[in-house]
Amino acid sequence: MTGRLASERQRAGDSAPVRTCIGCRLREPRTRMVRLVAQGQTVSVCLGYRQGRGAWIHYRLRCWEKAQKIGAFSRALRQRVSVPSFSDAFREVRLVLGYEDLDESGLEADGHPMSTQR
């Protein structure tokens, strides 16, 4: 293990492996990112274990848009892929994690961040 990698883990206070976001290029523990995999010719978010080449990205719209703009998906996955919209790609993630009422800004359907009204 290199000294640089070890110091990044110590600063993060995490023993998880460090990965690089394909959008913003920041290195962080993989627990703070989601893994993308190519399924045929399209990109999908991997919530569990899935074989194959993967790429890591933050759950942020700006990282997704930047990765699309610079062609990072195809480059990281080493094949030409079609990229779905951010909301389509993370629909499954929001459902599994219980965020189905949140929009991309983090607000609930009624516009309040911590609303109890439905």
PDB file of N, CA and C in Angstrom:
ATOM      1  N   MET A   1       0.857  -1.181   0.000  1.00  0.00           N
ATOM      2  CA  MET A   1       0.000   0.000   0.000  1.00  0.00           C
ATOM      3  C   MET A   1       0.894   1.232   0.000  1.00  0.00           C
ATOM      4  N   THR A   2       0.577   2.170  -0.818  1.00  0.00           N
ATOM      5  CA  THR A   2       1.386   3.375  -0.894  1.00  0.00           C
ATOM      6  C   THR A   2       1.072   4.295   0.267  1.00  0.00           C
ATOM      7  N   GLY A   3       2.020   5.142   0.611  1.00  0.00           N
ATOM      8  CA  GLY A   3       1.817   6.093   1.697  1.00  0.00           C
ATOM      9  C   GLY A   3       0.701   7.072   1.408  1.00  0.00           C
ATOM     10  N   ARG A   4       0.583   7.476   0.149  1.00  0.00           N
ATOM     11  CA  ARG A   4      -0.454   8.439  -0.220  1.00  0.00           C
ATOM     12  C   ARG A   4      -1.847   7.836  -0.018  1.00  0.00           C
ATOM     13  N   LEU A   5      -2.042   6.612  -0.458  1.00  0.00           N
ATOM     14  CA  LEU A   5      -3.330   5.948  -0.319  1.00  0.00           C
ATOM     15  C   LEU A   5      -3.671   5.745   1.156  1.00  0.00           C
ATOM     16  N   ALA A   6      -2.690   5.337   1.956  1.00  0.00           N
ATOM     17  CA  ALA A   6      -2.923   5.129   3.387  1.00  0.00           C
ATOM     18  C   ALA A   6      -3.305   6.432   4.069  1.00  0.00           C
ATOM     19  N   SER A   7      -2.644   7.530   3.709  1.00  0.00           N
ATOM     20  CA  SER A   7      -2.966   8.804   4.345  1.00  0.00           C
ATOM     21  C   SER A   7      -4.358   9.292   3.952  1.00  0.00           C
ATOM     22  N   GLU A   8      -4.793   8.998   2.716  1.00  0.00           N
ATOM     23  CA  GLU A   8      -6.143   9.369   2.307  1.00  0.00           C
ATOM     24  C   GLU A   8      -7.176   8.603   3.115  1.00  0.00           C
ATOM     25  N   ARG A   9      -6.912   7.350   3.396  1.00  0.00           N
ATOM     26  CA  ARG A   9      -7.838   6.559   4.203  1.00  0.00           C
ATOM     27  C   ARG A   9      -7.882   7.075   5.633  1.00  0.00           C
ATOM     28  N   GLN A  10      -6.732   7.425   6.185  1.00  0.00           N
ATOM     29  CA  GLN A  10      -6.702   7.934   7.554  1.00  0.00           C
ATOM     30  C   GLN A  10      -7.458   9.247   7.653  1.00  0.00           C
ATOM     31  N   ARG A  11      -7.282  10.142   6.683  1.00  0.00           N
ATOM     32  CA  ARG A  11      -7.991  11.410   6.702  1.00  0.00           C
ATOM     33  C   ARG A  11      -9.487  11.202   6.604  1.00  0.00           C
ATOM     34  N   ALA A  12      -9.900  10.245   5.807  1.00  0.00           N
ATOM     35  CA  ALA A  12     -11.323   9.975   5.642  1.00  0.00           C
ATOM     36  C   ALA A  12     -11.897   9.281   6.872  1.00  0.00           C
ATOM     37  N   GLY A  13     -11.018   8.704   7.720  1.00  0.00           N
ATOM     38  CA  GLY A  13     -11.494   8.005   8.893  1.00  0.00           C
ATOM     39  C   GLY A  13     -12.241   6.738   8.528  1.00  0.00           C
ATOM     40  N   ASP A  14     -11.881   6.155   7.418  1.00  0.00           N
ATOM     41  CA  ASP A  14     -12.599   5.011   6.889  1.00  0.00           C
ATOM     42  C   ASP A  14     -11.589   3.958   6.468  1.00  0.00           C
ATOM     43  N   SER A  15     -11.912   2.700   6.687  1.00  0.00           N
ATOM     44  CA  SER A  15     -11.011   1.649   6.252  1.00  0.00           C
ATOM     45  C   SER A  15     -11.445   1.065   4.910  1.00  0.00           C
ATOM     46  N   ALA A  16     -12.500   1.626   4.322  1.00  0.00           N
ATOM     47  CA  ALA A  16     -12.985   1.144   3.033  1.00  0.00           C
ATOM     48  C   ALA A  16     -11.998   1.515   1.925  1.00  0.00           C
ATOM     49  N   PRO A  17     -11.955   0.717   0.865  1.00  0.00           N
ATOM     50  CA  PRO A  17     -11.085   1.047  -0.263  1.00  0.00           C
ATOM     51  C   PRO A  17     -11.445   2.409  -0.874  1.00  0.00           C
ATOM     52  N   VAL A  18     -10.443   3.093  -1.357  1.00  0.00           N
ATOM     53  CA  VAL A  18     -10.634   4.411  -1.952  1.00  0.00           C
ATOM     54  C   VAL A  18     -10.863   4.257  -3.452  1.00  0.00           C
ATOM     55  N   ARG A  19     -11.840   4.967  -3.999  1.00  0.00           N
ATOM     56  CA  ARG A  19     -12.163   4.939  -5.424  1.00  0.00           C
ATOM     57  C   ARG A  19     -12.191   6.369  -5.958  1.00  0.00           C
ATOM     58  N   THR A  20     -12.123   6.517  -7.268  1.00  0.00           N
ATOM     59  CA  THR A  20     -12.149   7.829  -7.911  1.00  0.00           C
ATOM     60  C   THR A  20     -13.467   7.993  -8.654  1.00  0.00           C
ATOM     61  N   CYS A  21     -14.152   9.099  -8.413  1.00  0.00           N
ATOM     62  CA  CYS A  21     -15.402   9.415  -9.106  1.00  0.00           C
ATOM     63  C   CYS A  21     -15.080   9.771 -10.555  1.00  0.00           C
ATOM     64  N   ILE A  22     -15.799   9.165 -11.510  1.00  0.00           N
ATOM     65  CA  ILE A  22     -15.525   9.442 -12.919  1.00  0.00           C
ATOM     66  C   ILE A  22     -16.016  10.816 -13.344  1.00  0.00           C
ATOM     67  N   GLY A  23     -16.829  11.469 -12.521  1.00  0.00           N
ATOM     68  CA  GLY A  23     -17.324  12.798 -12.844  1.00  0.00           C
ATOM     69  C   GLY A  23     -16.413  13.894 -12.345  1.00  0.00           C
ATOM     70  N   CYS A  24     -16.253  13.969 -11.027  1.00  0.00           N
ATOM     71  CA  CYS A  24     -15.472  15.060 -10.424  1.00  0.00           C
ATOM     72  C   CYS A  24     -14.013  14.695 -10.183  1.00  0.00           C
ATOM     73  N   ARG A  25     -13.671  13.400 -10.325  1.00  0.00           N
ATOM     74  CA  ARG A  25     -12.306  12.887 -10.155  1.00  0.00           C
ATOM     75  C   ARG A  25     -11.807  12.964  -8.714  1.00  0.00           C
ATOM     76  N   LEU A  26     -12.688  13.167  -7.734  1.00  0.00           N
ATOM     77  CA  LEU A  26     -12.271  13.146  -6.335  1.00  0.00           C
ATOM     78  C   LEU A  26     -12.133  11.713  -5.866  1.00  0.00           C
ATOM     79  N   ARG A  27     -11.134  11.475  -5.021  1.00  0.00           N
ATOM     80  CA  ARG A  27     -10.915  10.151  -4.445  1.00  0.00           C
ATOM     81  C   ARG A  27     -11.538  10.107  -3.060  1.00  0.00           C
ATOM     82  N   GLU A  28     -12.409   9.132  -2.851  1.00  0.00           N
ATOM     83  CA  GLU A  28     -13.072   8.974  -1.560  1.00  0.00           C
ATOM     84  C   GLU A  28     -13.318   7.498  -1.309  1.00  0.00           C
ATOM     85  N   PRO A  29     -13.645   7.130  -0.057  1.00  0.00           N
ATOM     86  CA  PRO A  29     -13.993   5.726   0.213  1.00  0.00           C
ATOM     87  C   PRO A  29     -15.184   5.304  -0.639  1.00  0.00           C
ATOM     88  N   ARG A  30     -15.170   4.064  -1.061  1.00  0.00           N
ATOM     89  CA  ARG A  30     -16.227   3.597  -1.952  1.00  0.00           C
ATOM     90  C   ARG A  30     -17.597   3.602  -1.286  1.00  0.00           C
ATOM     91  N   THR A  31     -17.632   3.691   0.038  1.00  0.00           N
ATOM     92  CA  THR A  31     -18.911   3.759   0.745  1.00  0.00           C
ATOM     93  C   THR A  31     -19.656   5.057   0.449  1.00  0.00           C
ATOM     94  N   ARG A  32     -18.983   6.034  -0.110  1.00  0.00           N
ATOM     95  CA  ARG A  32     -19.597   7.325  -0.435  1.00  0.00           C
ATOM     96  C   ARG A  32     -19.967   7.447  -1.904  1.00  0.00           C
ATOM     97  N   MET A  33     -19.844   6.345  -2.651  1.00  0.00           N
ATOM     98  CA  MET A  33     -20.136   6.360  -4.084  1.00  0.00           C
ATOM     99  C   MET A  33     -20.997   5.160  -4.457  1.00  0.00           C
ATOM    100  N   VAL A  34     -21.440   5.141  -5.699  1.00  0.00           N
ATOM    101  CA  VAL A  34     -22.152   3.978  -6.235  1.00  0.00           C
ATOM    102  C   VAL A  34     -21.370   3.445  -7.426  1.00  0.00           C
ATOM    103  N   ARG A  35     -21.515   2.160  -7.651  1.00  0.00           N
ATOM    104  CA  ARG A  35     -20.790   1.511  -8.746  1.00  0.00           C
ATOM    105  C   ARG A  35     -21.699   1.409  -9.966  1.00  0.00           C
ATOM    106  N   LEU A  36     -21.132   1.714 -11.105  1.00  0.00           N
ATOM    107  CA  LEU A  36     -21.836   1.591 -12.378  1.00  0.00           C
ATOM    108  C   LEU A  36     -21.238   0.422 -13.145  1.00  0.00           C
ATOM    109  N   VAL A  37     -22.080  -0.301 -13.860  1.00  0.00           N
ATOM    110  CA  VAL A  37     -21.610  -1.387 -14.710  1.00  0.00           C
ATOM    111  C   VAL A  37     -22.297  -1.287 -16.059  1.00  0.00           C
ATOM    112  N   ALA A  38     -21.671  -1.864 -17.063  1.00  0.00           N
ATOM    113  CA  ALA A  38     -22.277  -1.913 -18.393  1.00  0.00           C
ATOM    114  C   ALA A  38     -23.101  -3.188 -18.489  1.00  0.00           C
ATOM    115  N   GLN A  39     -24.353  -3.017 -18.859  1.00  0.00           N
ATOM    116  CA  GLN A  39     -25.215  -4.159 -19.129  1.00  0.00           C
ATOM    117  C   GLN A  39     -25.535  -4.092 -20.615  1.00  0.00           C
ATOM    118  N   GLY A  40     -24.839  -4.900 -21.373  1.00  0.00           N
ATOM    119  CA  GLY A  40     -24.970  -4.791 -22.824  1.00  0.00           C
ATOM    120  C   GLY A  40     -24.371  -3.467 -23.265  1.00  0.00           C
ATOM    121  N   GLN A  41     -25.193  -2.617 -23.859  1.00  0.00           N
ATOM    122  CA  GLN A  41     -24.728  -1.317 -24.347  1.00  0.00           C
ATOM    123  C   GLN A  41     -25.233  -0.155 -23.503  1.00  0.00           C
ATOM    124  N   THR A  42     -25.757  -0.429 -22.314  1.00  0.00           N
ATOM    125  CA  THR A  42     -26.263   0.650 -21.467  1.00  0.00           C
ATOM    126  C   THR A  42     -25.630   0.597 -20.085  1.00  0.00           C
ATOM    127  N   VAL A  43     -25.642   1.711 -19.393  1.00  0.00           N
ATOM    128  CA  VAL A  43     -25.069   1.839 -18.061  1.00  0.00           C
ATOM    129  C   VAL A  43     -26.162   1.625 -17.026  1.00  0.00           C
ATOM    130  N   SER A  44     -25.851   0.859 -15.972  1.00  0.00           N
ATOM    131  CA  SER A  44     -26.809   0.711 -14.880  1.00  0.00           C
ATOM    132  C   SER A  44     -26.078   0.825 -13.551  1.00  0.00           C
ATOM    133  N   VAL A  45     -26.829   1.192 -12.528  1.00  0.00           N
ATOM    134  CA  VAL A  45     -26.285   1.328 -11.184  1.00  0.00           C
ATOM    135  C   VAL A  45     -26.302  -0.047 -10.533  1.00  0.00           C
ATOM    136  N   CYS A  46     -25.210  -0.427  -9.932  1.00  0.00           N
ATOM    137  CA  CYS A  46     -25.071  -1.738  -9.301  1.00  0.00           C
ATOM    138  C   CYS A  46     -25.240  -1.580  -7.795  1.00  0.00           C
ATOM    139  N   LEU A  47     -26.293  -2.172  -7.243  1.00  0.00           N
ATOM    140  CA  LEU A  47     -26.546  -2.082  -5.804  1.00  0.00           C
ATOM    141  C   LEU A  47     -25.921  -3.234  -5.035  1.00  0.00           C
ATOM    142  N   GLY A  48     -25.687  -4.325  -5.682  1.00  0.00           N
ATOM    143  CA  GLY A  48     -25.060  -5.476  -5.045  1.00  0.00           C
ATOM    144  C   GLY A  48     -23.821  -5.847  -5.816  1.00  0.00           C
ATOM    145  N   TYR A  49     -23.454  -7.098  -5.742  1.00  0.00           N
ATOM    146  CA  TYR A  49     -22.291  -7.560  -6.484  1.00  0.00           C
ATOM    147  C   TYR A  49     -22.694  -7.895  -7.912  1.00  0.00           C
ATOM    148  N   ARG A  50     -21.929  -7.434  -8.843  1.00  0.00           N
ATOM    149  CA  ARG A  50     -22.143  -7.773 -10.243  1.00  0.00           C
ATOM    150  C   ARG A  50     -20.777  -7.857 -10.908  1.00  0.00           C
ATOM    151  N   GLN A  51     -20.555  -8.920 -11.652  1.00  0.00           N
ATOM    152  CA  GLN A  51     -19.273  -9.100 -12.330  1.00  0.00           C
ATOM    153  C   GLN A  51     -19.112  -8.102 -13.459  1.00  0.00           C
ATOM    154  N   GLY A  52     -17.873  -7.913 -13.847  1.00  0.00           N
ATOM    155  CA  GLY A  52     -17.594  -7.073 -14.994  1.00  0.00           C
ATOM    156  C   GLY A  52     -16.916  -5.779 -14.626  1.00  0.00           C
ATOM    157  N   ARG A  53     -16.494  -5.082 -15.648  1.00  0.00           N
ATOM    158  CA  ARG A  53     -15.824  -3.800 -15.458  1.00  0.00           C
ATOM    159  C   ARG A  53     -16.797  -2.800 -14.875  1.00  0.00           C
ATOM    160  N   GLY A  54     -16.346  -2.071 -13.889  1.00  0.00           N
ATOM    161  CA  GLY A  54     -17.195  -1.085 -13.243  1.00  0.00           C
ATOM    162  C   GLY A  54     -16.537   0.271 -13.182  1.00  0.00           C
ATOM    163  N   ALA A  55     -17.320   1.246 -12.808  1.00  0.00           N
ATOM    164  CA  ALA A  55     -16.838   2.608 -12.616  1.00  0.00           C
ATOM    165  C   ALA A  55     -17.563   3.153 -11.390  1.00  0.00           C
ATOM    166  N   TRP A  56     -16.981   4.117 -10.734  1.00  0.00           N
ATOM    167  CA  TRP A  56     -17.546   4.674  -9.508  1.00  0.00           C
ATOM    168  C   TRP A  56     -17.912   6.135  -9.711  1.00  0.00           C
ATOM    169  N   ILE A  57     -19.032   6.544  -9.120  1.00  0.00           N
ATOM    170  CA  ILE A  57     -19.498   7.928  -9.246  1.00  0.00           C
ATOM    171  C   ILE A  57     -20.257   8.319  -7.991  1.00  0.00           C
ATOM    172  N   HIS A  58     -20.177   9.602  -7.639  1.00  0.00           N
ATOM    173  CA  HIS A  58     -20.973  10.121  -6.518  1.00  0.00           C
ATOM    174  C   HIS A  58     -22.442  10.168  -6.911  1.00  0.00           C
ATOM    175  N   TYR A  59     -23.321  10.100  -5.949  1.00  0.00           N
ATOM    176  CA  TYR A  59     -24.759  10.229  -6.187  1.00  0.00           C
ATOM    177  C   TYR A  59     -25.089  11.724  -6.236  1.00  0.00           C
ATOM    178  N   ARG A  60     -24.569  12.386  -7.250  1.00  0.00           N
ATOM    179  CA  ARG A  60     -24.782  13.822  -7.440  1.00  0.00           C
ATOM    180  C   ARG A  60     -25.042  14.098  -8.917  1.00  0.00           C
ATOM    181  N   LEU A  61     -25.996  14.954  -9.172  1.00  0.00           N
ATOM    182  CA  LEU A  61     -26.329  15.315 -10.541  1.00  0.00           C
ATOM    183  C   LEU A  61     -25.144  15.954 -11.251  1.00  0.00           C
ATOM    184  N   ARG A  62     -24.399  16.806 -10.568  1.00  0.00           N
ATOM    185  CA  ARG A  62     -23.283  17.497 -11.228  1.00  0.00           C
ATOM    186  C   ARG A  62     -22.177  16.526 -11.645  1.00  0.00           C
ATOM    187  N   CYS A  63     -21.948  15.481 -10.861  1.00  0.00           N
ATOM    188  CA  CYS A  63     -20.946  14.476 -11.249  1.00  0.00           C
ATOM    189  C   CYS A  63     -21.428  13.700 -12.470  1.00  0.00           C
ATOM    190  N   TRP A  64     -22.718  13.355 -12.484  1.00  0.00           N
ATOM    191  CA  TRP A  64     -23.304  12.614 -13.616  1.00  0.00           C
ATOM    192  C   TRP A  64     -23.197  13.429 -14.900  1.00  0.00           C
ATOM    193  N   GLU A  65     -23.570  14.714 -14.822  1.00  0.00           N
ATOM    194  CA  GLU A  65     -23.530  15.570 -16.013  1.00  0.00           C
ATOM    195  C   GLU A  65     -22.113  15.781 -16.515  1.00  0.00           C
ATOM    196  N   LYS A  66     -21.177  15.962 -15.605  1.00  0.00           N
ATOM    197  CA  LYS A  66     -19.793  16.170 -16.030  1.00  0.00           C
ATOM    198  C   LYS A  66     -19.235  14.902 -16.680  1.00  0.00           C
ATOM    199  N   ALA A  67     -19.549  13.737 -16.098  1.00  0.00           N
ATOM    200  CA  ALA A  67     -19.087  12.474 -16.673  1.00  0.00           C
ATOM    201  C   ALA A  67     -19.663  12.284 -18.075  1.00  0.00           C
ATOM    202  N   GLN A  68     -20.922  12.677 -18.287  1.00  0.00           N
ATOM    203  CA  GLN A  68     -21.522  12.600 -19.626  1.00  0.00           C
ATOM    204  C   GLN A  68     -20.811  13.539 -20.590  1.00  0.00           C
ATOM    205  N   LYS A  69     -20.559  14.751 -20.129  1.00  0.00           N
ATOM    206  CA  LYS A  69     -19.958  15.779 -20.981  1.00  0.00           C
ATOM    207  C   LYS A  69     -18.562  15.385 -21.471  1.00  0.00           C
ATOM    208  N   ILE A  70     -17.762  14.774 -20.596  1.00  0.00           N
ATOM    209  CA  ILE A  70     -16.387  14.438 -20.970  1.00  0.00           C
ATOM    210  C   ILE A  70     -16.236  13.017 -21.511  1.00  0.00           C
ATOM    211  N   GLY A  71     -17.348  12.275 -21.615  1.00  0.00           N
ATOM    212  CA  GLY A  71     -17.300  10.917 -22.164  1.00  0.00           C
ATOM    213  C   GLY A  71     -16.677   9.901 -21.224  1.00  0.00           C
ATOM    214  N   ALA A  72     -16.803  10.140 -19.926  1.00  0.00           N
ATOM    215  CA  ALA A  72     -16.151   9.280 -18.934  1.00  0.00           C
ATOM    216  C   ALA A  72     -16.775   7.891 -18.818  1.00  0.00           C
ATOM    217  N   PHE A  73     -18.065   7.761 -19.111  1.00  0.00           N
ATOM    218  CA  PHE A  73     -18.717   6.453 -18.987  1.00  0.00           C
ATOM    219  C   PHE A  73     -18.099   5.439 -19.937  1.00  0.00           C
ATOM    220  N   SER A  74     -18.028   5.775 -21.211  1.00  0.00           N
ATOM    221  CA  SER A  74     -17.455   4.860 -22.202  1.00  0.00           C
ATOM    222  C   SER A  74     -15.977   4.604 -21.935  1.00  0.00           C
ATOM    223  N   ARG A  75     -15.263   5.619 -21.536  1.00  0.00           N
ATOM    224  CA  ARG A  75     -13.835   5.463 -21.275  1.00  0.00           C
ATOM    225  C   ARG A  75     -13.600   4.547 -20.069  1.00  0.00           C
ATOM    226  N   ALA A  76     -14.338   4.767 -18.978  1.00  0.00           N
ATOM    227  CA  ALA A  76     -14.144   3.964 -17.768  1.00  0.00           C
ATOM    228  C   ALA A  76     -14.596   2.518 -17.954  1.00  0.00           C
ATOM    229  N   LEU A  77     -15.663   2.320 -18.702  1.00  0.00           N
ATOM    230  CA  LEU A  77     -16.192   0.973 -18.910  1.00  0.00           C
ATOM    231  C   LEU A  77     -15.558   0.274 -20.118  1.00  0.00           C
ATOM    232  N   ARG A  78     -14.715   1.003 -20.836  1.00  0.00           N
ATOM    233  CA  ARG A  78     -13.953   0.496 -21.984  1.00  0.00           C
ATOM    234  C   ARG A  78     -14.829  -0.118 -23.070  1.00  0.00           C
ATOM    235  N   GLN A  79     -15.957   0.526 -23.289  1.00  0.00           N
ATOM    236  CA  GLN A  79     -16.825   0.158 -24.409  1.00  0.00           C
ATOM    237  C   GLN A  79     -17.803   1.301 -24.640  1.00  0.00           C
ATOM    238  N   ARG A  80     -18.327   1.369 -25.838  1.00  0.00           N
ATOM    239  CA  ARG A  80     -19.303   2.408 -26.162  1.00  0.00           C
ATOM    240  C   ARG A  80     -20.628   2.048 -25.491  1.00  0.00           C
ATOM    241  N   VAL A  81     -21.146   2.959 -24.668  1.00  0.00           N
ATOM    242  CA  VAL A  81     -22.390   2.705 -23.943  1.00  0.00           C
ATOM    243  C   VAL A  81     -23.330   3.886 -24.092  1.00  0.00           C
ATOM    244  N   SER A  82     -24.631   3.603 -24.022  1.00  0.00           N
ATOM    245  CA  SER A  82     -25.608   4.685 -23.974  1.00  0.00           C
ATOM    246  C   SER A  82     -25.871   4.985 -22.502  1.00  0.00           C
ATOM    247  N   VAL A  83     -25.967   6.253 -22.186  1.00  0.00           N
ATOM    248  CA  VAL A  83     -26.091   6.685 -20.796  1.00  0.00           C
ATOM    249  C   VAL A  83     -27.502   7.208 -20.548  1.00  0.00           C
ATOM    250  N   PRO A  84     -28.215   6.603 -19.594  1.00  0.00           N
ATOM    251  CA  PRO A  84     -29.559   7.098 -19.272  1.00  0.00           C
ATOM    252  C   PRO A  84     -29.480   8.412 -18.512  1.00  0.00           C
ATOM    253  N   SER A  85     -30.617   9.058 -18.328  1.00  0.00           N
ATOM    254  CA  SER A  85     -30.627  10.286 -17.530  1.00  0.00           C
ATOM    255  C   SER A  85     -30.344   9.941 -16.075  1.00  0.00           C
ATOM    256  N   PHE A  86     -29.947  10.929 -15.307  1.00  0.00           N
ATOM    257  CA  PHE A  86     -29.641  10.742 -13.890  1.00  0.00           C
ATOM    258  C   PHE A  86     -30.833  10.161 -13.152  1.00  0.00           C
ATOM    259  N   SER A  87     -32.023  10.729 -13.381  1.00  0.00           N
ATOM    260  CA  SER A  87     -33.208  10.267 -12.652  1.00  0.00           C
ATOM    261  C   SER A  87     -33.576   8.840 -13.027  1.00  0.00           C
ATOM    262  N   ASP A  88     -33.425   8.472 -14.295  1.00  0.00           N
ATOM    263  CA  ASP A  88     -33.710   7.094 -14.699  1.00  0.00           C
ATOM    264  C   ASP A  88     -32.707   6.115 -14.094  1.00  0.00           C
ATOM    265  N   ALA A  89     -31.446   6.486 -14.100  1.00  0.00           N
ATOM    266  CA  ALA A  89     -30.406   5.594 -13.592  1.00  0.00           C
ATOM    267  C   ALA A  89     -30.544   5.356 -12.093  1.00  0.00           C
ATOM    268  N   PHE A  90     -30.952   6.370 -11.348  1.00  0.00           N
ATOM    269  CA  PHE A  90     -31.004   6.238  -9.900  1.00  0.00           C
ATOM    270  C   PHE A  90     -32.404   5.966  -9.355  1.00  0.00           C
ATOM    271  N   ARG A  91     -33.362   5.735 -10.236  1.00  0.00           N
ATOM    272  CA  ARG A  91     -34.734   5.412  -9.787  1.00  0.00           C
ATOM    273  C   ARG A  91     -34.720   4.186  -8.873  1.00  0.00           C
ATOM    274  N   GLU A  92     -34.026   3.145  -9.292  1.00  0.00           N
ATOM    275  CA  GLU A  92     -33.953   1.919  -8.501  1.00  0.00           C
ATOM    276  C   GLU A  92     -33.260   2.163  -7.161  1.00  0.00           C
ATOM    277  N   VAL A  93     -32.217   2.962  -7.159  1.00  0.00           N
ATOM    278  CA  VAL A  93     -31.488   3.263  -5.925  1.00  0.00           C
ATOM    279  C   VAL A  93     -32.407   3.964  -4.930  1.00  0.00           C
ATOM    280  N   ARG A  94     -33.151   4.954  -5.407  1.00  0.00           N
ATOM    281  CA  ARG A  94     -34.062   5.680  -4.511  1.00  0.00           C
ATOM    282  C   ARG A  94     -35.126   4.757  -3.930  1.00  0.00           C
ATOM    283  N   LEU A  95     -35.624   3.829  -4.720  1.00  0.00           N
ATOM    284  CA  LEU A  95     -36.639   2.901  -4.232  1.00  0.00           C
ATOM    285  C   LEU A  95     -36.066   1.948  -3.185  1.00  0.00           C
ATOM    286  N   VAL A  96     -34.900   1.397  -3.465  1.00  0.00           N
ATOM    287  CA  VAL A  96     -34.283   0.453  -2.537  1.00  0.00           C
ATOM    288  C   VAL A  96     -33.908   1.126  -1.221  1.00  0.00           C
ATOM    289  N   LEU A  97     -33.401   2.353  -1.302  1.00  0.00           N
ATOM    290  CA  LEU A  97     -32.972   3.060  -0.098  1.00  0.00           C
ATOM    291  C   LEU A  97     -34.108   3.792   0.607  1.00  0.00           C
ATOM    292  N   GLY A  98     -35.305   3.741   0.052  1.00  0.00           N
ATOM    293  CA  GLY A  98     -36.443   4.386   0.697  1.00  0.00           C
ATOM    294  C   GLY A  98     -36.559   5.860   0.410  1.00  0.00           C
ATOM    295  N   TYR A  99     -35.979   6.324  -0.689  1.00  0.00           N
ATOM    296  CA  TYR A  99     -36.020   7.735  -1.049  1.00  0.00           C
ATOM    297  C   TYR A  99     -36.988   7.993  -2.192  1.00  0.00           C
ATOM    298  N   GLU A 100     -38.017   7.173  -2.337  1.00  0.00           N
ATOM    299  CA  GLU A 100     -38.889   7.314  -3.499  1.00  0.00           C
ATOM    300  C   GLU A 100     -39.633   8.643  -3.526  1.00  0.00           C
ATOM    301  N   ASP A 101     -39.783   9.320  -2.375  1.00  0.00           N
ATOM    302  CA  ASP A 101     -40.475  10.604  -2.346  1.00  0.00           C
ATOM    303  C   ASP A 101     -39.537  11.791  -2.558  1.00  0.00           C
ATOM    304  N   LEU A 102     -38.242  11.547  -2.690  1.00  0.00           N
ATOM    305  CA  LEU A 102     -37.283  12.634  -2.868  1.00  0.00           C
ATOM    306  C   LEU A 102     -37.047  12.895  -4.341  1.00  0.00           C
ATOM    307  N   ASP A 103     -36.937  14.180  -4.677  1.00  0.00           N
ATOM    308  CA  ASP A 103     -36.546  14.499  -6.044  1.00  0.00           C
ATOM    309  C   ASP A 103     -35.032  14.688  -6.060  1.00  0.00           C
ATOM    310  N   GLU A 104     -34.464  15.126  -7.171  1.00  0.00           N
ATOM    311  CA  GLU A 104     -33.015  15.237  -7.283  1.00  0.00           C
ATOM    312  C   GLU A 104     -32.418  16.321  -6.387  1.00  0.00           C
ATOM    313  N   SER A 105     -33.237  17.251  -5.906  1.00  0.00           N
ATOM    314  CA  SER A 105     -32.722  18.290  -5.035  1.00  0.00           C
ATOM    315  C   SER A 105     -32.681  17.846  -3.585  1.00  0.00           C
ATOM    316  N   GLY A 106     -33.281  16.680  -3.268  1.00  0.00           N
ATOM    317  CA  GLY A 106     -33.311  16.207  -1.894  1.00  0.00           C
ATOM    318  C   GLY A 106     -34.567  16.613  -1.160  1.00  0.00           C
ATOM    319  N   LEU A 107     -35.481  17.325  -1.823  1.00  0.00           N
ATOM    320  CA  LEU A 107     -36.718  17.744  -1.189  1.00  0.00           C
ATOM    321  C   LEU A 107     -37.806  16.708  -1.400  1.00  0.00           C
ATOM    322  N   GLU A 108     -38.674  16.609  -0.436  1.00  0.00           N
ATOM    323  CA  GLU A 108     -39.789  15.682  -0.587  1.00  0.00           C
ATOM    324  C   GLU A 108     -40.808  16.269  -1.551  1.00  0.00           C
ATOM    325  N   ALA A 109     -41.794  15.472  -1.893  1.00  0.00           N
ATOM    326  CA  ALA A 109     -42.764  15.838  -2.922  1.00  0.00           C
ATOM    327  C   ALA A 109     -43.478  17.148  -2.621  1.00  0.00           C
ATOM    328  N   ASP A 110     -43.692  17.470  -1.339  1.00  0.00           N
ATOM    329  CA  ASP A 110     -44.400  18.705  -1.011  1.00  0.00           C
ATOM    330  C   ASP A 110     -43.472  19.915  -0.900  1.00  0.00           C
ATOM    331  N   GLY A 111     -42.158  19.730  -1.159  1.00  0.00           N
ATOM    332  CA  GLY A 111     -41.221  20.836  -1.196  1.00  0.00           C
ATOM    333  C   GLY A 111     -40.511  21.123   0.102  1.00  0.00           C
ATOM    334  N   HIS A 112     -40.783  20.368   1.144  1.00  0.00           N
ATOM    335  CA  HIS A 112     -40.115  20.578   2.429  1.00  0.00           C
ATOM    336  C   HIS A 112     -39.124  19.460   2.698  1.00  0.00           C
ATOM    337  N   PRO A 113     -37.908  19.805   3.166  1.00  0.00           N
ATOM    338  CA  PRO A 113     -36.873  18.795   3.315  1.00  0.00           C
ATOM    339  C   PRO A 113     -37.163  17.729   4.366  1.00  0.00           C
ATOM    340  N   MET A 114     -37.902  18.046   5.400  1.00  0.00           N
ATOM    341  CA  MET A 114     -38.150  17.058   6.451  1.00  0.00           C
ATOM    342  C   MET A 114     -39.646  16.989   6.778  1.00  0.00           C
ATOM    343  N   SER A 115     -40.448  17.058   5.804  1.00  0.00           N
ATOM    344  CA  SER A 115     -41.889  17.099   6.001  1.00  0.00           C
ATOM    345  C   SER A 115     -42.429  15.775   6.490  1.00  0.00           C
ATOM    346  N   THR A 116     -43.447  15.846   7.336  1.00  0.00           N
ATOM    347  CA  THR A 116     -44.152  14.639   7.760  1.00  0.00           C
ATOM    348  C   THR A 116     -45.476  14.517   7.024  1.00  0.00           C
ATOM    349  N   GLN A 117     -45.800  15.532   6.213  1.00  0.00           N
ATOM    350  CA  GLN A 117     -47.047  15.501   5.461  1.00  0.00           C
ATOM    351  C   GLN A 117     -46.856  14.697   4.173  1.00  0.00           C
ATOM    352  N   ARG A 118     -47.866  13.971   3.796  1.00  0.00           N
ATOM    353  CA  ARG A 118     -47.803  13.178   2.557  1.00  0.00           C
ATOM    354  C   ARG A 118     -48.879  13.603   1.620  1.00  0.00           C
TER     355      ARG A 118
END
